[in-house]
């Protein structure tokens, strides 16, 4: 599974050069010295990105290191326009952004199924000499070359599209929660970094409604500097509308754990703090009312919290209600 989840690809792209217009004069058995009839060159092929909701990784592009589009054909006699280059369509999962490696500029963002963006334009075909005839120059001796295509190294990044992102230290119980409230079947084990790739699941809510939740690789202190799974993890929560912080009931310091998680997000991108936060205390089946009251005092007053147990089902309906309200506020 881990080997099949590819969320970052570097690829060299070159769009097609435009075909050259030609210099030609009409000649046939009835016309010894006719006028200019050189045709235009064809357009160079575009490179197009297309969204495909059936894809969830960039794995299919892993060995696609050079994307070289076809050149346009040169023009012909009798004002014949050259054939356009055949466009290359690269299918990508929803949530893919494409940026230029040199400048870092985001050049395309795919968010919808079937959405197409001309990522790199092919060069225009050159004009044939028939375009340059004038009353004072009836035998133009020149035609335009085609415009060159564009080329460069591009980066394709996938940012998972989900409504809710599960945030917590390794071993907080995120995978267990996901498997208990959705149909997803993440790998679960009692050691850090079990989840190395985002796991998506659909939560069935009341009256046939549903929303998407993502279990993201565990964050650790220093993720913003790239430690642990670092930026690879943080990239995927940029698009989540609501962040659900999962803190286990047996944590030594619930308040400190929450603050560390928030600090990592802020270090990476301060805009993360604009999202809605919810705190869930997992493994709460081991708590009595007195301990719950003590933990509640530790938690920030302005962030809603809920005590849950994925094992007994405690608090899961309440959690779904809070998430749905936040998503539709």
Protein backbone atom coordinates (compact mmCIF):
# COMPACT_ATOMS: atom_id res chain seq x y z
CA UNK A 1 0.00 0.00 0.00
CA UNK A 2 2.68 2.53 1.04
CA UNK A 3 4.69 1.85 -2.11
CA UNK A 4 1.61 2.51 -4.26
CA UNK A 5 0.80 5.92 -2.79
CA UNK A 6 2.81 8.47 -4.72
CA UNK A 7 1.92 12.11 -3.95
CA UNK A 8 4.87 13.92 -5.53
CA UNK A 9 6.27 13.62 -9.06
CA UNK A 10 8.99 15.55 -10.90
CA UNK A 11 8.68 15.43 -14.67
CA UNK A 12 10.25 17.17 -17.69
CA UNK A 13 7.64 18.60 -20.06
CA UNK A 14 7.95 20.09 -23.55
CA UNK A 15 5.02 21.26 -25.64
CA UNK A 16 5.17 20.94 -29.43
CA UNK A 17 6.82 23.49 -31.72
CA UNK A 18 4.59 25.13 -34.31
CA UNK A 19 5.09 23.98 -37.90
CA UNK A 20 6.72 26.38 -40.36
CA UNK A 21 4.72 28.23 -42.96
CA UNK A 22 6.14 27.62 -46.46
CA UNK A 23 7.13 29.75 -49.40
CA UNK A 24 5.50 28.44 -52.57
CA UNK A 25 4.05 29.82 -55.82
CA UNK A 26 1.24 28.31 -57.82
CA UNK A 27 2.56 26.23 -60.74
CA UNK A 28 0.51 23.96 -63.01
CA UNK A 29 0.10 23.29 -66.72
CA UNK A 30 -2.27 26.24 -67.06
CA UNK A 31 -0.32 28.62 -64.84
CA UNK A 32 3.36 29.15 -65.48
CA UNK A 33 3.86 31.91 -62.92
CA UNK A 34 1.01 32.04 -60.41
CA UNK A 35 0.79 33.93 -57.14
CA UNK A 36 1.95 32.82 -53.70
CA UNK A 37 0.08 29.81 -52.27
CA UNK A 38 2.28 28.72 -49.36
CA UNK A 39 0.20 27.27 -46.49
CA UNK A 40 0.47 27.88 -42.74
CA UNK A 41 2.18 25.51 -40.32
CA UNK A 42 0.12 23.48 -37.82
CA UNK A 43 -0.05 24.28 -34.10
CA UNK A 44 2.33 22.42 -31.80
CA UNK A 45 0.66 19.99 -29.39
CA UNK A 46 -0.51 21.22 -25.97
CA UNK A 47 0.12 19.32 -22.74
CA UNK A 48 -3.22 19.14 -20.89
CA UNK A 49 -4.00 18.07 -17.31
CA UNK A 50 -7.36 16.33 -16.78
CA UNK A 51 -8.98 15.47 -13.44
CA UNK A 52 -10.00 11.84 -12.92
CA UNK A 53 -11.97 10.97 -9.77
CA UNK A 54 -11.05 7.28 -10.18
CA UNK A 55 -7.38 8.04 -9.45
CA UNK A 56 -6.15 8.57 -5.89
CA UNK A 57 -2.35 8.63 -6.39
CA UNK A 58 0.25 9.82 -8.93
CA UNK A 59 1.65 6.27 -9.15
CA UNK A 60 0.80 5.91 -12.86
CA UNK A 61 3.17 8.83 -13.62
CA UNK A 62 6.08 7.42 -11.64
CA UNK A 63 8.09 6.33 -14.69
CA UNK A 64 6.73 9.04 -16.99
CA UNK A 65 9.87 11.18 -16.71
CA UNK A 66 9.72 12.99 -20.07
CA UNK A 67 6.51 14.30 -21.59
CA UNK A 68 7.43 15.43 -25.11
CA UNK A 69 4.54 16.68 -27.23
CA UNK A 70 4.35 16.43 -31.02
CA UNK A 71 5.37 19.31 -33.28
CA UNK A 72 2.98 20.84 -35.79
CA UNK A 73 3.53 19.86 -39.45
CA UNK A 74 4.75 22.46 -41.97
CA UNK A 75 2.29 24.04 -44.38
CA UNK A 76 1.84 22.79 -47.97
CA UNK A 77 1.21 24.21 -51.42
CA UNK A 78 -2.27 25.31 -52.52
CA UNK A 79 -2.65 27.11 -49.15
CA UNK A 80 -2.78 23.79 -47.30
CA UNK A 81 -2.41 24.21 -43.53
CA UNK A 82 -0.12 21.71 -41.78
CA UNK A 83 -1.55 19.17 -39.34
CA UNK A 84 -1.67 20.21 -35.65
CA UNK A 85 0.40 18.19 -33.19
CA UNK A 86 -1.63 15.62 -31.20
CA UNK A 87 -2.25 16.99 -27.69
CA UNK A 88 -1.01 14.95 -24.72
CA UNK A 89 -3.55 14.53 -21.91
CA UNK A 90 -2.17 13.65 -18.47
CA UNK A 91 -4.85 12.28 -16.14
CA UNK A 92 -4.35 13.19 -12.48
CA UNK A 93 -6.31 12.66 -9.25
CA UNK A 94 -8.46 15.46 -7.86
CA UNK A 95 -6.44 17.70 -5.57
CA UNK A 96 -3.36 17.78 -7.83
CA UNK A 97 -1.44 21.02 -8.23
CA UNK A 98 1.27 21.60 -10.83
CA UNK A 99 4.07 24.04 -10.24
CA UNK A 100 7.19 25.19 -12.04
CA UNK A 101 10.31 23.75 -10.38
CA UNK A 102 12.45 26.82 -11.02
CA UNK A 103 10.05 29.56 -9.87
CA UNK A 104 7.81 27.54 -7.52
CA UNK A 105 4.77 29.20 -9.17
CA UNK A 106 1.53 27.17 -9.13
CA UNK A 107 0.48 26.88 -12.78
CA UNK A 108 -2.55 24.58 -12.53
CA UNK A 109 -4.88 23.13 -9.91
CA UNK A 110 -7.27 20.25 -10.61
CA UNK A 111 -10.29 20.01 -8.29
CA UNK A 112 -13.10 18.50 -10.39
CA UNK A 113 -13.66 15.29 -12.33
CA UNK A 114 -13.21 15.91 -16.07
CA UNK A 115 -11.72 19.38 -15.52
CA UNK A 116 -9.11 20.15 -18.19
CA UNK A 117 -6.38 22.78 -18.01
CA UNK A 118 -3.97 23.53 -20.84
CA UNK A 119 -0.82 23.22 -18.74
CA UNK A 120 1.76 23.97 -21.46
CA UNK A 121 0.71 25.56 -24.74
CA UNK A 122 2.10 24.37 -28.06
CA UNK A 123 3.74 26.93 -30.34
CA UNK A 124 1.63 28.63 -33.03
CA UNK A 125 2.21 27.60 -36.62
CA UNK A 126 4.01 30.07 -38.88
CA UNK A 127 2.18 31.89 -41.70
CA UNK A 128 2.81 30.86 -45.33
CA UNK A 129 3.98 33.39 -47.92
CA UNK A 130 0.43 33.89 -49.26
CA UNK A 131 -0.26 36.10 -46.21
CA UNK A 132 2.48 38.54 -47.17
CA UNK A 133 1.33 39.42 -50.70
CA UNK A 134 0.62 43.15 -51.15
CA UNK A 135 -0.12 45.32 -54.20
CA UNK A 136 3.53 46.41 -54.17
CA UNK A 137 4.98 42.97 -53.37
CA UNK A 138 3.07 40.30 -55.26
CA UNK A 139 5.80 37.65 -55.01
CA UNK A 140 6.69 37.58 -51.27
CA UNK A 141 9.83 35.52 -50.76
CA UNK A 142 9.44 34.79 -47.05
CA UNK A 143 7.21 32.76 -44.72
CA UNK A 144 7.18 32.58 -40.92
CA UNK A 145 8.85 29.82 -38.93
CA UNK A 146 6.64 28.20 -36.28
CA UNK A 147 6.79 29.43 -32.69
CA UNK A 148 8.76 27.19 -30.34
CA UNK A 149 6.96 25.23 -27.64
CA UNK A 150 7.76 25.72 -23.95
CA UNK A 151 9.73 23.34 -21.80
CA UNK A 152 10.89 22.88 -18.24
CA UNK A 153 10.89 20.68 -15.14
CA UNK A 154 7.49 20.58 -13.46
CA UNK A 155 6.37 19.29 -10.06
CA UNK A 156 3.02 17.55 -9.62
CA UNK A 157 1.82 17.38 -6.01
CA UNK A 158 -1.26 15.66 -4.68
CA UNK A 159 -3.07 17.19 -1.71
CA UNK A 160 -5.80 14.87 -0.46
CA UNK A 161 -9.33 16.26 -0.83
CA UNK A 162 -11.28 15.49 2.33
CA UNK A 163 -13.75 17.41 4.48
CA UNK A 164 -12.19 16.42 7.80
CA UNK A 165 -8.51 15.77 8.55
CA UNK A 166 -7.54 13.63 11.54
CA UNK A 167 -4.55 15.17 13.32
CA UNK A 168 -2.64 13.57 16.18
CA UNK A 169 0.61 12.08 17.32
CA UNK A 170 1.47 8.58 16.14
CA UNK A 171 -0.51 6.03 18.13
CA UNK A 172 -3.34 8.43 19.05
CA UNK A 173 -5.89 5.94 17.67
CA UNK A 174 -6.69 7.70 14.39
CA UNK A 175 -6.76 4.52 12.29
CA UNK A 176 -8.97 2.77 14.86
CA UNK A 177 -11.42 5.68 14.82
CA UNK A 178 -11.49 5.76 11.01
CA UNK A 179 -12.21 2.04 10.79
CA UNK A 180 -15.03 2.30 13.33
CA UNK A 181 -16.95 5.25 11.77
CA UNK A 182 -16.27 4.58 8.06
CA UNK A 183 -15.95 1.63 5.72
CA UNK A 184 -12.19 2.20 5.38
CA UNK A 185 -9.86 -0.61 6.45
CA UNK A 186 -6.58 1.06 7.47
CA UNK A 187 -3.65 -0.94 8.79
CA UNK A 188 -3.73 -0.80 12.60
CA UNK A 189 -0.92 -1.75 14.96
CA UNK A 190 0.46 -0.61 18.29
CA UNK A 191 3.51 1.28 17.08
CA UNK A 192 4.31 4.73 15.76
CA UNK A 193 3.86 5.62 12.11
CA UNK A 194 1.60 2.71 11.21
CA UNK A 195 -0.13 5.11 8.83
CA UNK A 196 2.42 6.18 6.25
CA UNK A 197 -0.06 7.33 3.61
CA UNK A 198 -3.40 9.18 3.86
CA UNK A 199 -6.39 6.88 4.33
CA UNK A 200 -9.78 8.16 3.17
CA UNK A 201 -13.16 7.01 4.38
CA UNK A 202 -16.77 8.12 3.89
CA UNK A 203 -18.76 8.67 7.09
CA UNK A 204 -22.44 7.78 6.71
CA UNK A 205 -24.51 10.44 8.48
CA UNK A 206 -28.26 10.79 9.05
CA UNK A 207 -30.78 10.61 6.16
CA UNK A 208 -28.27 9.32 3.62
CA UNK A 209 -25.88 12.26 4.02
CA UNK A 210 -22.16 11.61 4.18
CA UNK A 211 -18.81 13.38 4.45
CA UNK A 212 -15.20 12.42 3.79
CA UNK A 213 -12.62 12.00 6.54
CA UNK A 214 -8.87 11.42 6.09
CA UNK A 215 -6.54 9.70 8.52
CA UNK A 216 -3.23 11.43 7.85
CA UNK A 217 0.27 10.24 8.79
CA UNK A 218 1.09 11.00 12.42
CA UNK A 219 2.60 14.37 13.20
CA UNK A 220 5.53 14.76 15.58
CA UNK A 221 7.30 17.78 17.02
CA UNK A 222 9.48 19.22 14.29
CA UNK A 223 7.23 18.15 11.41
CA UNK A 224 7.25 21.73 10.11
CA UNK A 225 11.05 21.47 9.76
CA UNK A 226 10.63 18.21 7.90
CA UNK A 227 11.28 15.73 10.74
CA UNK A 228 9.31 12.49 10.85
CA UNK A 229 6.96 12.48 7.87
CA UNK A 230 7.13 16.27 7.98
CA UNK A 231 5.94 18.29 5.03
CA UNK A 232 4.61 15.20 3.32
CA UNK A 233 1.99 14.97 6.08
CA UNK A 234 1.29 18.69 6.42
CA UNK A 235 0.68 19.12 2.68
CA UNK A 236 -2.42 16.92 2.89
CA UNK A 237 -4.23 18.91 5.59
CA UNK A 238 -4.13 22.23 3.70
CA UNK A 239 -7.41 21.37 1.97
CA UNK A 240 -9.38 19.98 4.94
CA UNK A 241 -12.21 22.26 6.10
CA UNK A 242 -12.23 20.88 9.66
CA UNK A 243 -9.31 19.48 11.66
CA UNK A 244 -10.14 16.85 14.26
CA UNK A 245 -7.39 16.66 16.89
CA UNK A 246 -7.22 13.22 18.44
CA UNK A 247 -5.59 13.09 21.88
CA UNK A 248 -5.54 9.80 23.80
CA UNK A 249 -7.06 9.69 27.29
CA UNK A 250 -3.79 8.25 28.69
CA UNK A 251 -1.71 11.23 27.49
CA UNK A 252 0.56 12.75 30.17
CA UNK A 253 -0.50 16.32 29.32
CA UNK A 254 -3.55 16.82 27.09
CA UNK A 255 -3.20 20.61 26.88
CA UNK A 256 0.49 20.45 25.94
CA UNK A 257 -0.16 17.78 23.29
CA UNK A 258 -2.84 19.97 21.67
CA UNK A 259 -0.56 23.04 21.77
CA UNK A 260 2.31 21.14 20.12
CA UNK A 261 0.04 19.97 17.31
CA UNK A 262 -1.33 23.48 16.72
CA UNK A 263 2.18 24.95 16.83
CA UNK A 264 3.38 22.52 14.12
CA UNK A 265 0.52 23.57 11.87
CA UNK A 266 1.22 27.27 12.47
CA UNK A 267 4.95 26.84 11.75
CA UNK A 268 4.14 25.20 8.43
CA UNK A 269 1.41 27.60 7.32
CA UNK A 270 -0.28 30.19 9.62
CA UNK A 271 -3.44 29.99 7.47
CA UNK A 272 -4.05 26.55 9.01
CA UNK A 273 -5.24 28.33 12.16
CA UNK A 274 -8.26 29.70 10.22
CA UNK A 275 -9.76 26.20 10.02
CA UNK A 276 -12.34 24.84 12.45
CA UNK A 277 -10.77 22.76 15.26
CA UNK A 278 -12.43 19.98 17.23
CA UNK A 279 -10.73 17.96 19.98
CA UNK A 280 -11.64 14.30 20.54
CA UNK A 281 -10.27 12.47 23.57
CA UNK A 282 -9.83 8.89 22.37
CA UNK A 283 -9.76 5.70 24.47
CA UNK A 284 -12.24 7.37 26.88
CA UNK A 285 -13.73 4.05 27.99
CA UNK A 286 -10.95 4.01 30.62
CA UNK A 287 -12.11 7.34 32.18
CA UNK A 288 -14.63 8.00 34.96
CA UNK A 289 -16.58 11.28 35.32
CA UNK A 290 -14.00 12.77 37.70
CA UNK A 291 -11.13 12.23 35.23
CA UNK A 292 -13.24 13.61 32.36
CA UNK A 293 -13.91 16.78 34.39
CA UNK A 294 -10.18 17.15 35.09
CA UNK A 295 -9.27 16.77 31.39
CA UNK A 296 -12.02 19.24 30.37
CA UNK A 297 -10.37 21.90 32.59
CA UNK A 298 -7.07 21.39 30.72
CA UNK A 299 -8.56 21.84 27.25
CA UNK A 300 -8.98 25.24 25.54
CA UNK A 301 -12.42 26.78 26.21
CA UNK A 302 -12.97 27.99 22.63
CA UNK A 303 -12.52 24.57 20.96
CA UNK A 304 -15.39 22.05 21.14
CA UNK A 305 -14.39 18.68 22.59
CA UNK A 306 -15.92 15.24 22.86
CA UNK A 307 -14.94 12.08 24.73
CA UNK A 308 -14.97 9.02 22.46
CA UNK A 309 -14.10 5.35 22.43
CA UNK A 310 -13.79 3.61 19.08
CA UNK A 311 -13.91 0.27 20.92
CA UNK A 312 -17.22 0.78 22.80
CA UNK A 313 -18.72 3.34 20.41
CA UNK A 314 -19.01 5.94 23.17
CA UNK A 315 -19.39 9.52 21.84
CA UNK A 316 -19.17 8.59 18.14
CA UNK A 317 -22.71 9.80 17.29
CA UNK A 318 -22.04 13.06 19.12
CA UNK A 319 -18.74 13.43 17.24
CA UNK A 320 -20.48 12.96 13.86
CA UNK A 321 -23.08 15.59 14.86
CA UNK A 322 -20.40 18.14 15.76
CA UNK A 323 -18.44 17.47 12.54
CA UNK A 324 -21.55 17.80 10.38
CA UNK A 325 -22.53 21.10 12.07
CA UNK A 326 -19.03 22.52 11.53
CA UNK A 327 -18.92 21.43 7.88
CA UNK A 328 -22.29 23.05 7.19
CA UNK A 329 -21.97 26.13 9.39
